[in-house]
Amino acid sequence: MIQKETVVTCIYDLFVDGEKGKEELMERATAQHPLVYCHGEGMMLPKFEEALLGKEKGDKFDFRIGCEDAYGEYDTDGVMELDKQLFFNGDGEFDSERVYVGAVVPMNTQDGQIVNAMVVE
């Protein structure tokens, strides 16, 4: 059972409200690349941990987290235009397997922090 200080491995599909009220797939954790975290240590959104608390191995369920309990409303000021050449692979070609609209790509900030960026265009 999931409780404080439990290592949790889960697979999921994360949907967000898209245009015209349709849900859009934003992120997916698969059996090959699951989400693994320590429950109750502040690694995840509090509402996410609240939804998983008490669940058992193999449980399947849905839940919603409002933007006010997540990362806030979409903010166009957070969108940055980057040179496409930043995403070329070692062969000097654009890395279309990893970089596509909707993909979440880890990037480094100027001060060395790793942040997850989403490709929007």
C-alpha atoms as a PDB file:
ATOM      1  CA  MET A   1       0.000   0.000   0.000  1.00  0.00           C
ATOM      2  CA  ILE A   2       1.253   3.499  -0.825  1.00  0.00           C
ATOM      3  CA  GLN A   3       2.077   5.451   2.308  1.00  0.00           C
ATOM      4  CA  LYS A   4       4.742   7.915   3.510  1.00  0.00           C
ATOM      5  CA  GLU A   5       8.304   6.854   2.624  1.00  0.00           C
ATOM      6  CA  THR A   6       7.104   4.226   0.119  1.00  0.00           C
ATOM      7  CA  VAL A   7       8.997   4.011  -3.176  1.00  0.00           C
ATOM      8  CA  VAL A   8       6.300   4.218  -5.843  1.00  0.00           C
ATOM      9  CA  THR A   9       6.607   3.095  -9.455  1.00  0.00           C
ATOM     10  CA  CYS A  10       3.706   4.061 -11.692  1.00  0.00           C
ATOM     11  CA  ILE A  11       2.700   4.370 -15.308  1.00  0.00           C
ATOM     12  CA  TYR A  12       0.248   7.035 -16.405  1.00  0.00           C
ATOM     13  CA  ASP A  13      -1.149   9.244 -19.126  1.00  0.00           C
ATOM     14  CA  LEU A  14      -1.351  12.933 -18.222  1.00  0.00           C
ATOM     15  CA  PHE A  15      -3.994  14.925 -20.077  1.00  0.00           C
ATOM     16  CA  VAL A  16      -4.509  18.674 -20.046  1.00  0.00           C
ATOM     17  CA  ASP A  17      -7.476  20.745 -21.171  1.00  0.00           C
ATOM     18  CA  GLY A  18      -6.783  21.677 -24.753  1.00  0.00           C
ATOM     19  CA  GLU A  19      -8.436  23.822 -27.354  1.00  0.00           C
ATOM     20  CA  LYS A  20     -12.220  23.696 -27.668  1.00  0.00           C
ATOM     21  CA  GLY A  21     -12.516  21.751 -24.410  1.00  0.00           C
ATOM     22  CA  LYS A  22     -10.808  18.614 -25.768  1.00  0.00           C
ATOM     23  CA  GLU A  23      -8.279  16.874 -23.556  1.00  0.00           C
ATOM     24  CA  GLU A  24      -4.777  16.563 -25.005  1.00  0.00           C
ATOM     25  CA  LEU A  25      -2.107  14.049 -23.992  1.00  0.00           C
ATOM     26  CA  MET A  26       0.754  16.017 -22.448  1.00  0.00           C
ATOM     27  CA  GLU A  27       2.938  13.333 -20.897  1.00  0.00           C
ATOM     28  CA  ARG A  28       3.110   9.572 -20.577  1.00  0.00           C
ATOM     29  CA  ALA A  29       5.046   7.286 -18.232  1.00  0.00           C
ATOM     30  CA  THR A  30       5.274   3.797 -19.726  1.00  0.00           C
ATOM     31  CA  ALA A  31       6.194   0.396 -18.322  1.00  0.00           C
ATOM     32  CA  GLN A  32       9.603   0.852 -19.997  1.00  0.00           C
ATOM     33  CA  HIS A  33      10.033   4.353 -18.512  1.00  0.00           C
ATOM     34  CA  PRO A  34       7.848   4.575 -15.383  1.00  0.00           C
ATOM     35  CA  LEU A  35       7.682   7.377 -12.860  1.00  0.00           C
ATOM     36  CA  VAL A  36       9.570   6.396  -9.710  1.00  0.00           C
ATOM     37  CA  TYR A  37       9.494   8.555  -6.588  1.00  0.00           C
ATOM     38  CA  CYS A  38       9.475   8.375  -2.780  1.00  0.00           C
ATOM     39  CA  HIS A  39       5.971   9.123  -1.530  1.00  0.00           C
ATOM     40  CA  GLY A  40       5.589  11.827   1.104  1.00  0.00           C
ATOM     41  CA  GLU A  41       8.995  13.421   0.563  1.00  0.00           C
ATOM     42  CA  GLY A  42       7.720  16.427  -1.424  1.00  0.00           C
ATOM     43  CA  MET A  43       8.984  15.154  -4.768  1.00  0.00           C
ATOM     44  CA  MET A  44       5.523  15.331  -6.345  1.00  0.00           C
ATOM     45  CA  LEU A  45       2.609  17.766  -6.260  1.00  0.00           C
ATOM     46  CA  PRO A  46       0.741  17.438  -2.934  1.00  0.00           C
ATOM     47  CA  LYS A  47      -2.572  16.708  -4.719  1.00  0.00           C
ATOM     48  CA  PHE A  48      -0.845  13.987  -6.773  1.00  0.00           C
ATOM     49  CA  GLU A  49       0.429  12.302  -3.620  1.00  0.00           C
ATOM     50  CA  GLU A  50      -2.967  12.709  -1.961  1.00  0.00           C
ATOM     51  CA  ALA A  51      -4.617  10.886  -4.894  1.00  0.00           C
ATOM     52  CA  LEU A  52      -2.184   7.943  -4.648  1.00  0.00           C
ATOM     53  CA  LEU A  53      -2.155   7.611  -0.858  1.00  0.00           C
ATOM     54  CA  GLY A  54      -3.533   4.215   0.176  1.00  0.00           C
ATOM     55  CA  LYS A  55      -3.541   2.737  -3.328  1.00  0.00           C
ATOM     56  CA  GLU A  56      -2.408  -0.859  -3.828  1.00  0.00           C
ATOM     57  CA  LYS A  57      -0.137  -2.415  -6.453  1.00  0.00           C
ATOM     58  CA  GLY A  58      -2.070  -2.811  -9.709  1.00  0.00           C
ATOM     59  CA  ASP A  59      -4.813  -0.295  -8.857  1.00  0.00           C
ATOM     60  CA  LYS A  60      -6.139   1.599 -11.879  1.00  0.00           C
ATOM     61  CA  PHE A  61      -7.842   4.938 -11.330  1.00  0.00           C
ATOM     62  CA  ASP A  62      -8.332   8.472 -12.650  1.00  0.00           C
ATOM     63  CA  PHE A  63      -8.074  11.800 -10.861  1.00  0.00           C
ATOM     64  CA  ARG A  64      -7.910  15.487 -11.705  1.00  0.00           C
ATOM     65  CA  ILE A  65      -5.653  18.211 -10.373  1.00  0.00           C
ATOM     66  CA  GLY A  66      -6.725  21.788 -11.026  1.00  0.00           C
ATOM     67  CA  CYS A  67      -4.121  24.260 -12.279  1.00  0.00           C
ATOM     68  CA  GLU A  68      -4.392  26.132  -8.954  1.00  0.00           C
ATOM     69  CA  ASP A  69      -3.073  22.966  -7.218  1.00  0.00           C
ATOM     70  CA  ALA A  70      -0.434  22.297  -9.868  1.00  0.00           C
ATOM     71  CA  TYR A  71       1.718  24.827 -11.712  1.00  0.00           C
ATOM     72  CA  GLY A  72      -0.836  27.575 -12.296  1.00  0.00           C
ATOM     73  CA  GLU A  73      -2.497  28.851 -15.436  1.00  0.00           C
ATOM     74  CA  TYR A  74      -0.686  28.651 -18.776  1.00  0.00           C
ATOM     75  CA  ASP A  75       1.561  31.693 -19.064  1.00  0.00           C
ATOM     76  CA  THR A  76       2.732  32.757 -22.513  1.00  0.00           C
ATOM     77  CA  ASP A  77       5.544  34.721 -20.822  1.00  0.00           C
ATOM     78  CA  GLY A  78       7.090  31.335 -20.020  1.00  0.00           C
ATOM     79  CA  VAL A  79       7.391  30.412 -23.693  1.00  0.00           C
ATOM     80  CA  MET A  80      10.880  30.845 -25.145  1.00  0.00           C
ATOM     81  CA  GLU A  81      11.949  30.673 -28.753  1.00  0.00           C
ATOM     82  CA  LEU A  82      15.125  28.619 -29.124  1.00  0.00           C
ATOM     83  CA  ASP A  83      17.385  27.977 -32.091  1.00  0.00           C
ATOM     84  CA  LYS A  84      16.554  24.622 -33.691  1.00  0.00           C
ATOM     85  CA  GLN A  85      20.277  23.808 -33.832  1.00  0.00           C
ATOM     86  CA  LEU A  86      20.201  23.296 -30.048  1.00  0.00           C
ATOM     87  CA  PHE A  87      18.364  20.058 -30.797  1.00  0.00           C
ATOM     88  CA  PHE A  88      20.710  18.556 -33.365  1.00  0.00           C
ATOM     89  CA  ASN A  89      22.119  15.121 -32.518  1.00  0.00           C
ATOM     90  CA  GLY A  90      25.768  14.076 -32.672  1.00  0.00           C
ATOM     91  CA  ASP A  91      25.455  13.472 -36.418  1.00  0.00           C
ATOM     92  CA  GLY A  92      24.513  17.106 -37.048  1.00  0.00           C
ATOM     93  CA  GLU A  93      20.867  16.299 -37.807  1.00  0.00           C
ATOM     94  CA  PHE A  94      17.720  17.481 -36.046  1.00  0.00           C
ATOM     95  CA  ASP A  95      16.718  14.981 -33.320  1.00  0.00           C
ATOM     96  CA  SER A  96      13.090  14.406 -34.393  1.00  0.00           C
ATOM     97  CA  GLU A  97      12.833  11.215 -32.302  1.00  0.00           C
ATOM     98  CA  ARG A  98      13.218  13.220 -29.100  1.00  0.00           C
ATOM     99  CA  VAL A  99      12.025  16.688 -30.093  1.00  0.00           C
ATOM    100  CA  TYR A 100       8.476  17.035 -31.435  1.00  0.00           C
ATOM    101  CA  VAL A 101       5.380  19.072 -30.546  1.00  0.00           C
ATOM    102  CA  GLY A 102       4.180  17.881 -27.153  1.00  0.00           C
ATOM    103  CA  ALA A 103       7.493  16.298 -26.138  1.00  0.00           C
ATOM    104  CA  VAL A 104       8.935  17.097 -22.731  1.00  0.00           C
ATOM    105  CA  VAL A 105      12.662  17.749 -23.116  1.00  0.00           C
ATOM    106  CA  PRO A 106      15.123  18.196 -20.230  1.00  0.00           C
ATOM    107  CA  MET A 107      17.200  21.355 -20.609  1.00  0.00           C
ATOM    108  CA  ASN A 108      19.806  23.243 -18.577  1.00  0.00           C
ATOM    109  CA  THR A 109      19.285  26.809 -17.415  1.00  0.00           C
ATOM    110  CA  GLN A 110      22.146  29.309 -17.527  1.00  0.00           C
ATOM    111  CA  ASP A 111      22.918  28.571 -13.881  1.00  0.00           C
ATOM    112  CA  GLY A 112      23.060  24.798 -14.479  1.00  0.00           C
ATOM    113  CA  GLN A 113      19.639  23.766 -13.175  1.00  0.00           C
ATOM    114  CA  ILE A 114      17.802  21.053 -15.101  1.00  0.00           C
ATOM    115  CA  VAL A 115      14.247  21.967 -16.109  1.00  0.00           C
ATOM    116  CA  ASN A 116      11.714  20.109 -18.203  1.00  0.00           C
ATOM    117  CA  ALA A 117      10.572  22.083 -21.220  1.00  0.00           C
ATOM    118  CA  MET A 118       7.628  21.256 -23.442  1.00  0.00           C
ATOM    119  CA  VAL A 119       7.874  21.695 -27.205  1.00  0.00           C
ATOM    120  CA  VAL A 120       4.894  23.841 -28.223  1.00  0.00           C
ATOM    121  CA  GLU A 121       5.742  24.534 -31.858  1.00  0.00           C
END
